[in-house]
Amino acid sequence: MFAPLGHEQTMIDVEAERAFLAALEGGCQVPIGALATTAGARRMLYGFIGDIAGKRLVRGEIVLDTGKPQVSGVRLANELRSRGASEILEGLRRAEHVPSPQPE
């Protein structure tokens, strides 16, 4: 019944974005984001993670493998970990107070 509402490219993008967030333990209180989009003729996955103070930010991008979107998300997360995301996550774990998400 709902099959006609499905959109294959959107599902691929969402799988990659969610895999990235899960690999970096993303949640509502972690300054982290992912976006899959078209760049020229390719699908790209962009991601970032920042510290609570907003002073340190690690960004990355990867060509999205549409046949294995979850692998693309994990690969991008691993790349960010190798460039400092693990230290940011450790700082978040040690933080005494993590601010609540604020409405815009």
PDB file of N, CA and C in Angstrom:
ATOM      1  N   MET A   1       0.822  -1.190   0.000  1.00  0.00           N
ATOM      2  CA  MET A   1       0.000   0.000   0.000  1.00  0.00           C
ATOM      3  C   MET A   1       0.876   1.268   0.000  1.00  0.00           C
ATOM      4  N   PHE A   2       1.963   1.267   0.789  1.00  0.00           N
ATOM      5  CA  PHE A   2       2.809   2.453   0.876  1.00  0.00           C
ATOM      6  C   PHE A   2       3.975   2.435  -0.123  1.00  0.00           C
ATOM      7  N   ALA A   3       4.162   1.331  -0.825  1.00  0.00           N
ATOM      8  CA  ALA A   3       5.281   1.202  -1.754  1.00  0.00           C
ATOM      9  C   ALA A   3       5.370   2.357  -2.756  1.00  0.00           C
ATOM     10  N   PRO A   4       4.261   2.849  -3.310  1.00  0.00           N
ATOM     11  CA  PRO A   4       4.370   3.955  -4.265  1.00  0.00           C
ATOM     12  C   PRO A   4       4.926   5.245  -3.648  1.00  0.00           C
ATOM     13  N   LEU A   5       4.897   5.344  -2.338  1.00  0.00           N
ATOM     14  CA  LEU A   5       5.411   6.543  -1.673  1.00  0.00           C
ATOM     15  C   LEU A   5       6.918   6.492  -1.482  1.00  0.00           C
ATOM     16  N   GLY A   6       7.501   5.321  -1.618  1.00  0.00           N
ATOM     17  CA  GLY A   6       8.938   5.167  -1.416  1.00  0.00           C
ATOM     18  C   GLY A   6       9.732   5.802  -2.548  1.00  0.00           C
ATOM     19  N   HIS A   7      10.896   6.309  -2.203  1.00  0.00           N
ATOM     20  CA  HIS A   7      11.788   6.908  -3.203  1.00  0.00           C
ATOM     21  C   HIS A   7      13.169   6.302  -2.987  1.00  0.00           C
ATOM     22  N   GLU A   8      13.643   5.541  -3.966  1.00  0.00           N
ATOM     23  CA  GLU A   8      14.860   4.758  -3.806  1.00  0.00           C
ATOM     24  C   GLU A   8      16.071   5.614  -3.439  1.00  0.00           C
ATOM     25  N   GLN A   9      16.296   6.730  -4.132  1.00  0.00           N
ATOM     26  CA  GLN A   9      17.470   7.561  -3.850  1.00  0.00           C
ATOM     27  C   GLN A   9      17.417   8.139  -2.440  1.00  0.00           C
ATOM     28  N   THR A  10      16.242   8.528  -1.997  1.00  0.00           N
ATOM     29  CA  THR A  10      16.102   9.055  -0.638  1.00  0.00           C
ATOM     30  C   THR A  10      16.452   7.985   0.385  1.00  0.00           C
ATOM     31  N   MET A  11      16.013   6.764   0.167  1.00  0.00           N
ATOM     32  CA  MET A  11      16.319   5.679   1.100  1.00  0.00           C
ATOM     33  C   MET A  11      17.819   5.402   1.139  1.00  0.00           C
ATOM     34  N   ILE A  12      18.485   5.453  -0.007  1.00  0.00           N
ATOM     35  CA  ILE A  12      19.937   5.253  -0.054  1.00  0.00           C
ATOM     36  C   ILE A  12      20.632   6.346   0.750  1.00  0.00           C
ATOM     37  N   ASP A  13      20.221   7.584   0.532  1.00  0.00           N
ATOM     38  CA  ASP A  13      20.814   8.719   1.255  1.00  0.00           C
ATOM     39  C   ASP A  13      20.622   8.576   2.759  1.00  0.00           C
ATOM     40  N   VAL A  14      19.422   8.228   3.164  1.00  0.00           N
ATOM     41  CA  VAL A  14      19.112   8.101   4.588  1.00  0.00           C
ATOM     42  C   VAL A  14      19.929   6.977   5.219  1.00  0.00           C
ATOM     43  N   GLU A  15      20.099   5.875   4.505  1.00  0.00           N
ATOM     44  CA  GLU A  15      20.908   4.774   5.042  1.00  0.00           C
ATOM     45  C   GLU A  15      22.348   5.218   5.283  1.00  0.00           C
ATOM     46  N   ALA A  16      22.920   5.970   4.342  1.00  0.00           N
ATOM     47  CA  ALA A  16      24.294   6.446   4.493  1.00  0.00           C
ATOM     48  C   ALA A  16      24.399   7.431   5.650  1.00  0.00           C
ATOM     49  N   GLU A  17      23.467   8.375   5.730  1.00  0.00           N
ATOM     50  CA  GLU A  17      23.495   9.387   6.798  1.00  0.00           C
ATOM     51  C   GLU A  17      23.344   8.742   8.163  1.00  0.00           C
ATOM     52  N   ARG A  18      22.402   7.816   8.287  1.00  0.00           N
ATOM     53  CA  ARG A  18      22.191   7.150   9.578  1.00  0.00           C
ATOM     54  C   ARG A  18      23.377   6.286   9.982  1.00  0.00           C
ATOM     55  N   ALA A  19      24.009   5.626   9.030  1.00  0.00           N
ATOM     56  CA  ALA A  19      25.184   4.810   9.343  1.00  0.00           C
ATOM     57  C   ALA A  19      26.319   5.701   9.855  1.00  0.00           C
ATOM     58  N   PHE A  20      26.490   6.870   9.253  1.00  0.00           N
ATOM     59  CA  PHE A  20      27.504   7.822   9.707  1.00  0.00           C
ATOM     60  C   PHE A  20      27.226   8.252  11.136  1.00  0.00           C
ATOM     61  N   LEU A  21      25.986   8.664  11.407  1.00  0.00           N
ATOM     62  CA  LEU A  21      25.620   9.127  12.748  1.00  0.00           C
ATOM     63  C   LEU A  21      25.792   8.017  13.781  1.00  0.00           C
ATOM     64  N   ALA A  22      25.372   6.808  13.443  1.00  0.00           N
ATOM     65  CA  ALA A  22      25.494   5.689  14.382  1.00  0.00           C
ATOM     66  C   ALA A  22      26.955   5.361  14.663  1.00  0.00           C
ATOM     67  N   ALA A  23      27.793   5.413  13.639  1.00  0.00           N
ATOM     68  CA  ALA A  23      29.216   5.086  13.820  1.00  0.00           C
ATOM     69  C   ALA A  23      29.927   6.107  14.699  1.00  0.00           C
ATOM     70  N   LEU A  24      29.387   7.324  14.776  1.00  0.00           N
ATOM     71  CA  LEU A  24      29.964   8.357  15.640  1.00  0.00           C
ATOM     72  C   LEU A  24      29.119   8.594  16.886  1.00  0.00           C
ATOM     73  N   GLU A  25      28.225   7.639  17.182  1.00  0.00           N
ATOM     74  CA  GLU A  25      27.404   7.703  18.391  1.00  0.00           C
ATOM     75  C   GLU A  25      26.576   8.977  18.428  1.00  0.00           C
ATOM     76  N   GLY A  26      26.103   9.405  17.276  1.00  0.00           N
ATOM     77  CA  GLY A  26      25.343  10.650  17.170  1.00  0.00           C
ATOM     78  C   GLY A  26      23.993  10.567  17.843  1.00  0.00           C
ATOM     79  N   GLY A  27      23.612  11.660  18.444  1.00  0.00           N
ATOM     80  CA  GLY A  27      22.322  11.791  19.084  1.00  0.00           C
ATOM     81  C   GLY A  27      21.941  13.256  19.113  1.00  0.00           C
ATOM     82  N   CYS A  28      20.875  13.551  19.791  1.00  0.00           N
ATOM     83  CA  CYS A  28      20.376  14.923  19.825  1.00  0.00           C
ATOM     84  C   CYS A  28      21.297  15.892  20.560  1.00  0.00           C
ATOM     85  N   GLN A  29      22.165  15.391  21.426  1.00  0.00           N
ATOM     86  CA  GLN A  29      23.015  16.287  22.202  1.00  0.00           C
ATOM     87  C   GLN A  29      24.458  16.314  21.715  1.00  0.00           C
ATOM     88  N   VAL A  30      24.709  15.672  20.591  1.00  0.00           N
ATOM     89  CA  VAL A  30      26.046  15.676  20.012  1.00  0.00           C
ATOM     90  C   VAL A  30      26.013  16.582  18.786  1.00  0.00           C
ATOM     91  N   PRO A  31      26.900  17.565  18.703  1.00  0.00           N
ATOM     92  CA  PRO A  31      26.932  18.433  17.522  1.00  0.00           C
ATOM     93  C   PRO A  31      27.526  17.691  16.324  1.00  0.00           C
ATOM     94  N   ILE A  32      26.654  17.014  15.599  1.00  0.00           N
ATOM     95  CA  ILE A  32      27.066  16.134  14.513  1.00  0.00           C
ATOM     96  C   ILE A  32      26.031  16.227  13.405  1.00  0.00           C
ATOM     97  N   GLY A  33      26.474  16.052  12.184  1.00  0.00           N
ATOM     98  CA  GLY A  33      25.528  16.099  11.083  1.00  0.00           C
ATOM     99  C   GLY A  33      26.037  15.350   9.870  1.00  0.00           C
ATOM    100  N   ALA A  34      25.096  14.947   9.016  1.00  0.00           N
ATOM    101  CA  ALA A  34      25.422  14.253   7.775  1.00  0.00           C
ATOM    102  C   ALA A  34      24.425  14.675   6.709  1.00  0.00           C
ATOM    103  N   LEU A  35      24.897  14.744   5.476  1.00  0.00           N
ATOM    104  CA  LEU A  35      24.031  15.110   4.359  1.00  0.00           C
ATOM    105  C   LEU A  35      24.518  14.407   3.102  1.00  0.00           C
ATOM    106  N   ALA A  36      23.635  13.661   2.472  1.00  0.00           N
ATOM    107  CA  ALA A  36      23.926  13.052   1.178  1.00  0.00           C
ATOM    108  C   ALA A  36      23.241  13.906   0.119  1.00  0.00           C
ATOM    109  N   THR A  37      23.994  14.235  -0.918  1.00  0.00           N
ATOM    110  CA  THR A  37      23.454  15.105  -1.962  1.00  0.00           C
ATOM    111  C   THR A  37      24.202  14.870  -3.272  1.00  0.00           C
ATOM    112  N   THR A  38      23.689  15.452  -4.335  1.00  0.00           N
ATOM    113  CA  THR A  38      24.331  15.354  -5.635  1.00  0.00           C
ATOM    114  C   THR A  38      25.353  16.463  -5.787  1.00  0.00           C
ATOM    115  N   ALA A  39      26.532  16.094  -6.262  1.00  0.00           N
ATOM    116  CA  ALA A  39      27.588  17.061  -6.567  1.00  0.00           C
ATOM    117  C   ALA A  39      28.086  16.722  -7.970  1.00  0.00           C
ATOM    118  N   GLY A  40      27.671  17.508  -8.937  1.00  0.00           N
ATOM    119  CA  GLY A  40      28.002  17.184 -10.319  1.00  0.00           C
ATOM    120  C   GLY A  40      27.263  15.928 -10.736  1.00  0.00           C
ATOM    121  N   ALA A  41      28.008  14.934 -11.196  1.00  0.00           N
ATOM    122  CA  ALA A  41      27.409  13.676 -11.630  1.00  0.00           C
ATOM    123  C   ALA A  41      27.448  12.605 -10.546  1.00  0.00           C
ATOM    124  N   ARG A  42      27.934  12.963  -9.334  1.00  0.00           N
ATOM    125  CA  ARG A  42      28.108  11.964  -8.271  1.00  0.00           C
ATOM    126  C   ARG A  42      27.216  12.268  -7.073  1.00  0.00           C
ATOM    127  N   ARG A  43      26.943  11.221  -6.321  1.00  0.00           N
ATOM    128  CA  ARG A  43      26.299  11.380  -5.017  1.00  0.00           C
ATOM    129  C   ARG A  43      27.430  11.478  -3.998  1.00  0.00           C
ATOM    130  N   MET A  44      27.327  12.439  -3.103  1.00  0.00           N
ATOM    131  CA  MET A  44      28.350  12.664  -2.083  1.00  0.00           C
ATOM    132  C   MET A  44      27.707  12.571  -0.710  1.00  0.00           C
ATOM    133  N   LEU A  45      28.496  12.146   0.262  1.00  0.00           N
ATOM    134  CA  LEU A  45      28.087  12.156   1.662  1.00  0.00           C
ATOM    135  C   LEU A  45      29.022  13.097   2.395  1.00  0.00           C
ATOM    136  N   TYR A  46      28.455  14.104   3.025  1.00  0.00           N
ATOM    137  CA  TYR A  46      29.209  15.082   3.802  1.00  0.00           C
ATOM    138  C   TYR A  46      28.899  14.847   5.274  1.00  0.00           C
ATOM    139  N   GLY A  47      29.891  15.041   6.128  1.00  0.00           N
ATOM    140  CA  GLY A  47      29.665  14.866   7.557  1.00  0.00           C
ATOM    141  C   GLY A  47      30.537  15.792   8.367  1.00  0.00           C
ATOM    142  N   PHE A  48      30.100  16.048   9.603  1.00  0.00           N
ATOM    143  CA  PHE A  48      30.901  16.860  10.525  1.00  0.00           C
ATOM    144  C   PHE A  48      30.572  16.472  11.956  1.00  0.00           C
ATOM    145  N   ILE A  49      31.493  16.812  12.847  1.00  0.00           N
ATOM    146  CA  ILE A  49      31.282  16.693  14.287  1.00  0.00           C
ATOM    147  C   ILE A  49      32.045  17.834  14.939  1.00  0.00           C
ATOM    148  N   GLY A  50      31.466  18.404  15.978  1.00  0.00           N
ATOM    149  CA  GLY A  50      32.112  19.504  16.667  1.00  0.00           C
ATOM    150  C   GLY A  50      32.090  19.299  18.167  1.00  0.00           C
ATOM    151  N   ASP A  51      32.915  20.083  18.857  1.00  0.00           N
ATOM    152  CA  ASP A  51      32.889  20.021  20.316  1.00  0.00           C
ATOM    153  C   ASP A  51      31.752  20.906  20.840  1.00  0.00           C
ATOM    154  N   ILE A  52      31.498  20.799  22.138  1.00  0.00           N
ATOM    155  CA  ILE A  52      30.380  21.530  22.741  1.00  0.00           C
ATOM    156  C   ILE A  52      30.536  23.030  22.584  1.00  0.00           C
ATOM    157  N   ALA A  53      31.745  23.519  22.720  1.00  0.00           N
ATOM    158  CA  ALA A  53      31.992  24.957  22.655  1.00  0.00           C
ATOM    159  C   ALA A  53      31.971  25.487  21.224  1.00  0.00           C
ATOM    160  N   GLY A  54      31.990  24.608  20.253  1.00  0.00           N
ATOM    161  CA  GLY A  54      32.006  25.040  18.867  1.00  0.00           C
ATOM    162  C   GLY A  54      33.365  25.550  18.409  1.00  0.00           C
ATOM    163  N   LYS A  55      34.405  25.210  19.152  1.00  0.00           N
ATOM    164  CA  LYS A  55      35.753  25.674  18.810  1.00  0.00           C
ATOM    165  C   LYS A  55      36.490  24.710  17.894  1.00  0.00           C
ATOM    166  N   ARG A  56      36.099  23.452  17.950  1.00  0.00           N
ATOM    167  CA  ARG A  56      36.772  22.445  17.138  1.00  0.00           C
ATOM    168  C   ARG A  56      35.728  21.744  16.283  1.00  0.00           C
ATOM    169  N   LEU A  57      36.005  21.664  14.998  1.00  0.00           N
ATOM    170  CA  LEU A  57      35.083  21.060  14.047  1.00  0.00           C
ATOM    171  C   LEU A  57      35.879  20.195  13.087  1.00  0.00           C
ATOM    172  N   VAL A  58      35.409  18.975  12.866  1.00  0.00           N
ATOM    173  CA  VAL A  58      36.043  18.073  11.910  1.00  0.00           C
ATOM    174  C   VAL A  58      35.006  17.780  10.829  1.00  0.00           C
ATOM    175  N   ARG A  59      35.385  18.052   9.597  1.00  0.00           N
ATOM    176  CA  ARG A  59      34.487  17.840   8.456  1.00  0.00           C
ATOM    177  C   ARG A  59      35.116  16.865   7.477  1.00  0.00           C
ATOM    178  N   GLY A  60      34.253  16.209   6.704  1.00  0.00           N
ATOM    179  CA  GLY A  60      34.754  15.313   5.672  1.00  0.00           C
ATOM    180  C   GLY A  60      33.698  15.045   4.631  1.00  0.00           C
ATOM    181  N   GLU A  61      34.126  14.388   3.586  1.00  0.00           N
ATOM    182  CA  GLU A  61      33.214  14.013   2.507  1.00  0.00           C
ATOM    183  C   GLU A  61      33.738  12.759   1.837  1.00  0.00           C
ATOM    184  N   ILE A  62      32.816  12.035   1.220  1.00  0.00           N
ATOM    185  CA  ILE A  62      33.166  10.793   0.535  1.00  0.00           C
ATOM    186  C   ILE A  62      32.171  10.599  -0.597  1.00  0.00           C
ATOM    187  N   VAL A  63      32.637   9.991  -1.681  1.00  0.00           N
ATOM    188  CA  VAL A  63      31.710   9.622  -2.749  1.00  0.00           C
ATOM    189  C   VAL A  63      30.822   8.517  -2.204  1.00  0.00           C
ATOM    190  N   LEU A  64      29.522   8.692  -2.325  1.00  0.00           N
ATOM    191  CA  LEU A  64      28.564   7.732  -1.778  1.00  0.00           C
ATOM    192  C   LEU A  64      28.450   6.533  -2.717  1.00  0.00           C
ATOM    193  N   ASP A  65      28.711   5.360  -2.178  1.00  0.00           N
ATOM    194  CA  ASP A  65      28.533   4.115  -2.927  1.00  0.00           C
ATOM    195  C   ASP A  65      27.057   3.760  -2.820  1.00  0.00           C
ATOM    196  N   THR A  66      26.303   4.005  -3.877  1.00  0.00           N
ATOM    197  CA  THR A  66      24.850   3.790  -3.807  1.00  0.00           C
ATOM    198  C   THR A  66      24.484   2.318  -3.670  1.00  0.00           C
ATOM    199  N   GLY A  67      25.421   1.420  -3.969  1.00  0.00           N
ATOM    200  CA  GLY A  67      25.178  -0.009  -3.765  1.00  0.00           C
ATOM    201  C   GLY A  67      25.411  -0.442  -2.331  1.00  0.00           C
ATOM    202  N   LYS A  68      26.212   0.344  -1.591  1.00  0.00           N
ATOM    203  CA  LYS A  68      26.533   0.045  -0.194  1.00  0.00           C
ATOM    204  C   LYS A  68      26.540   1.348   0.613  1.00  0.00           C
ATOM    205  N   PRO A  69      25.391   1.980   0.754  1.00  0.00           N
ATOM    206  CA  PRO A  69      25.359   3.284   1.426  1.00  0.00           C
ATOM    207  C   PRO A  69      25.806   3.236   2.886  1.00  0.00           C
ATOM    208  N   GLN A  70      25.500   2.154   3.591  1.00  0.00           N
ATOM    209  CA  GLN A  70      25.898   2.062   4.995  1.00  0.00           C
ATOM    210  C   GLN A  70      27.417   1.994   5.126  1.00  0.00           C
ATOM    211  N   VAL A  71      28.063   1.302   4.194  1.00  0.00           N
ATOM    212  CA  VAL A  71      29.523   1.230   4.203  1.00  0.00           C
ATOM    213  C   VAL A  71      30.110   2.629   3.998  1.00  0.00           C
ATOM    214  N   SER A  72      29.507   3.404   3.111  1.00  0.00           N
ATOM    215  CA  SER A  72      29.981   4.774   2.885  1.00  0.00           C
ATOM    216  C   SER A  72      29.886   5.601   4.160  1.00  0.00           C
ATOM    217  N   GLY A  73      28.778   5.462   4.887  1.00  0.00           N
ATOM    218  CA  GLY A  73      28.616   6.199   6.135  1.00  0.00           C
ATOM    219  C   GLY A  73      29.653   5.829   7.172  1.00  0.00           C
ATOM    220  N   VAL A  74      29.927   4.552   7.313  1.00  0.00           N
ATOM    221  CA  VAL A  74      30.924   4.086   8.282  1.00  0.00           C
ATOM    222  C   VAL A  74      32.327   4.527   7.855  1.00  0.00           C
ATOM    223  N   ARG A  75      32.611   4.465   6.570  1.00  0.00           N
ATOM    224  CA  ARG A  75      33.934   4.903   6.084  1.00  0.00           C
ATOM    225  C   ARG A  75      34.169   6.378   6.384  1.00  0.00           C
ATOM    226  N   LEU A  76      33.152   7.196   6.144  1.00  0.00           N
ATOM    227  CA  LEU A  76      33.313   8.618   6.433  1.00  0.00           C
ATOM    228  C   LEU A  76      33.495   8.848   7.931  1.00  0.00           C
ATOM    229  N   ALA A  77      32.737   8.144   8.748  1.00  0.00           N
ATOM    230  CA  ALA A  77      32.889   8.270  10.202  1.00  0.00           C
ATOM    231  C   ALA A  77      34.301   7.867  10.630  1.00  0.00           C
ATOM    232  N   ASN A  78      34.820   6.790  10.064  1.00  0.00           N
ATOM    233  CA  ASN A  78      36.181   6.346  10.404  1.00  0.00           C
ATOM    234  C   ASN A  78      37.221   7.369   9.978  1.00  0.00           C
ATOM    235  N   GLU A  79      37.010   7.979   8.829  1.00  0.00           N
ATOM    236  CA  GLU A  79      37.933   9.024   8.386  1.00  0.00           C
ATOM    237  C   GLU A  79      37.946  10.192   9.380  1.00  0.00           C
ATOM    238  N   LEU A  80      36.763  10.617   9.813  1.00  0.00           N
ATOM    239  CA  LEU A  80      36.678  11.717  10.779  1.00  0.00           C
ATOM    240  C   LEU A  80      37.291  11.316  12.115  1.00  0.00           C
ATOM    241  N   ARG A  81      37.094  10.062  12.527  1.00  0.00           N
ATOM    242  CA  ARG A  81      37.721   9.592  13.765  1.00  0.00           C
ATOM    243  C   ARG A  81      39.238   9.705  13.676  1.00  0.00           C
ATOM    244  N   SER A  82      39.793   9.379  12.527  1.00  0.00           N
ATOM    245  CA  SER A  82      41.248   9.433  12.364  1.00  0.00           C
ATOM    246  C   SER A  82      41.764  10.870  12.358  1.00  0.00           C
ATOM    247  N   ARG A  83      40.871  11.837  12.163  1.00  0.00           N
ATOM    248  CA  ARG A  83      41.260  13.244  12.114  1.00  0.00           C
ATOM    249  C   ARG A  83      40.807  14.036  13.335  1.00  0.00           C
ATOM    250  N   GLY A  84      40.379  13.334  14.402  1.00  0.00           N
ATOM    251  CA  GLY A  84      40.076  14.036  15.641  1.00  0.00           C
ATOM    252  C   GLY A  84      38.690  13.845  16.208  1.00  0.00           C
ATOM    253  N   ALA A  85      37.797  13.182  15.490  1.00  0.00           N
ATOM    254  CA  ALA A  85      36.435  12.993  16.002  1.00  0.00           C
ATOM    255  C   ALA A  85      36.413  12.144  17.270  1.00  0.00           C
ATOM    256  N   SER A  86      37.328  11.185  17.385  1.00  0.00           N
ATOM    257  CA  SER A  86      37.361  10.347  18.595  1.00  0.00           C
ATOM    258  C   SER A  86      37.664  11.185  19.832  1.00  0.00           C
ATOM    259  N   GLU A  87      38.574  12.145  19.694  1.00  0.00           N
ATOM    260  CA  GLU A  87      38.902  13.021  20.826  1.00  0.00           C
ATOM    261  C   GLU A  87      37.715  13.909  21.188  1.00  0.00           C
ATOM    262  N   ILE A  88      36.996  14.375  20.185  1.00  0.00           N
ATOM    263  CA  ILE A  88      35.794  15.182  20.450  1.00  0.00           C
ATOM    264  C   ILE A  88      34.766  14.354  21.196  1.00  0.00           C
ATOM    265  N   LEU A  89      34.550  13.118  20.753  1.00  0.00           N
ATOM    266  CA  LEU A  89      33.584  12.239  21.426  1.00  0.00           C
ATOM    267  C   LEU A  89      34.000  11.958  22.864  1.00  0.00           C
ATOM    268  N   GLU A  90      35.288  11.745  23.080  1.00  0.00           N
ATOM    269  CA  GLU A  90      35.772  11.499  24.439  1.00  0.00           C
ATOM    270  C   GLU A  90      35.530  12.729  25.312  1.00  0.00           C
ATOM    271  N   GLY A  91      35.739  13.901  24.774  1.00  0.00           N
ATOM    272  CA  GLY A  91      35.463  15.131  25.515  1.00  0.00           C
ATOM    273  C   GLY A  91      33.991  15.268  25.864  1.00  0.00           C
ATOM    274  N   LEU A  92      33.119  14.863  24.960  1.00  0.00           N
ATOM    275  CA  LEU A  92      31.687  14.908  25.237  1.00  0.00           C
ATOM    276  C   LEU A  92      31.313  13.926  26.351  1.00  0.00           C
ATOM    277  N   ARG A  93      31.951  12.759  26.354  1.00  0.00           N
ATOM    278  CA  ARG A  93      31.680  11.769  27.409  1.00  0.00           C
ATOM    279  C   ARG A  93      32.112  12.282  28.783  1.00  0.00           C
ATOM    280  N   ARG A  94      33.209  13.034  28.817  1.00  0.00           N
ATOM    281  CA  ARG A  94      33.740  13.539  30.088  1.00  0.00           C
ATOM    282  C   ARG A  94      33.069  14.834  30.535  1.00  0.00           C
ATOM    283  N   ALA A  95      32.319  15.460  29.667  1.00  0.00           N
ATOM    284  CA  ALA A  95      31.715  16.760  29.997  1.00  0.00           C
ATOM    285  C   ALA A  95      30.742  16.614  31.164  1.00  0.00           C
ATOM    286  N   GLU A  96      30.833  17.533  32.106  1.00  0.00           N
ATOM    287  CA  GLU A  96      29.920  17.517  33.251  1.00  0.00           C
ATOM    288  C   GLU A  96      28.525  17.970  32.851  1.00  0.00           C
ATOM    289  N   HIS A  97      28.460  18.855  31.882  1.00  0.00           N
ATOM    290  CA  HIS A  97      27.150  19.353  31.442  1.00  0.00           C
ATOM    291  C   HIS A  97      27.151  19.467  29.928  1.00  0.00           C
ATOM    292  N   VAL A  98      26.206  18.781  29.310  1.00  0.00           N
ATOM    293  CA  VAL A  98      26.013  18.895  27.866  1.00  0.00           C
ATOM    294  C   VAL A  98      24.750  19.714  27.679  1.00  0.00           C
ATOM    295  N   PRO A  99      24.843  20.850  26.989  1.00  0.00           N
ATOM    296  CA  PRO A  99      23.673  21.702  26.813  1.00  0.00           C
ATOM    297  C   PRO A  99      22.540  20.970  26.118  1.00  0.00           C
ATOM    298  N   SER A 100      21.322  21.294  26.496  1.00  0.00           N
ATOM    299  CA  SER A 100      20.158  20.737  25.825  1.00  0.00           C
ATOM    300  C   SER A 100      20.027  21.364  24.444  1.00  0.00           C
ATOM    301  N   PRO A 101      19.506  20.603  23.481  1.00  0.00           N
ATOM    302  CA  PRO A 101      19.264  21.193  22.171  1.00  0.00           C
ATOM    303  C   PRO A 101      18.319  22.373  22.295  1.00  0.00           C
ATOM    304  N   GLN A 102      18.615  23.426  21.568  1.00  0.00           N
ATOM    305  CA  GLN A 102      17.793  24.626  21.623  1.00  0.00           C
ATOM    306  C   GLN A 102      17.048  24.814  20.318  1.00  0.00           C
ATOM    307  N   PRO A 103      15.793  25.237  20.412  1.00  0.00           N
ATOM    308  CA  PRO A 103      15.067  25.521  19.169  1.00  0.00           C
ATOM    309  C   PRO A 103      15.660  26.736  18.473  1.00  0.00           C
ATOM    310  N   GLU A 104      15.539  26.750  17.170  1.00  0.00           N
ATOM    311  CA  GLU A 104      16.067  27.897  16.413  1.00  0.00           C
ATOM    312  C   GLU A 104      15.106  29.039  16.439  1.00  0.00           C
TER     313      GLU A 104
END
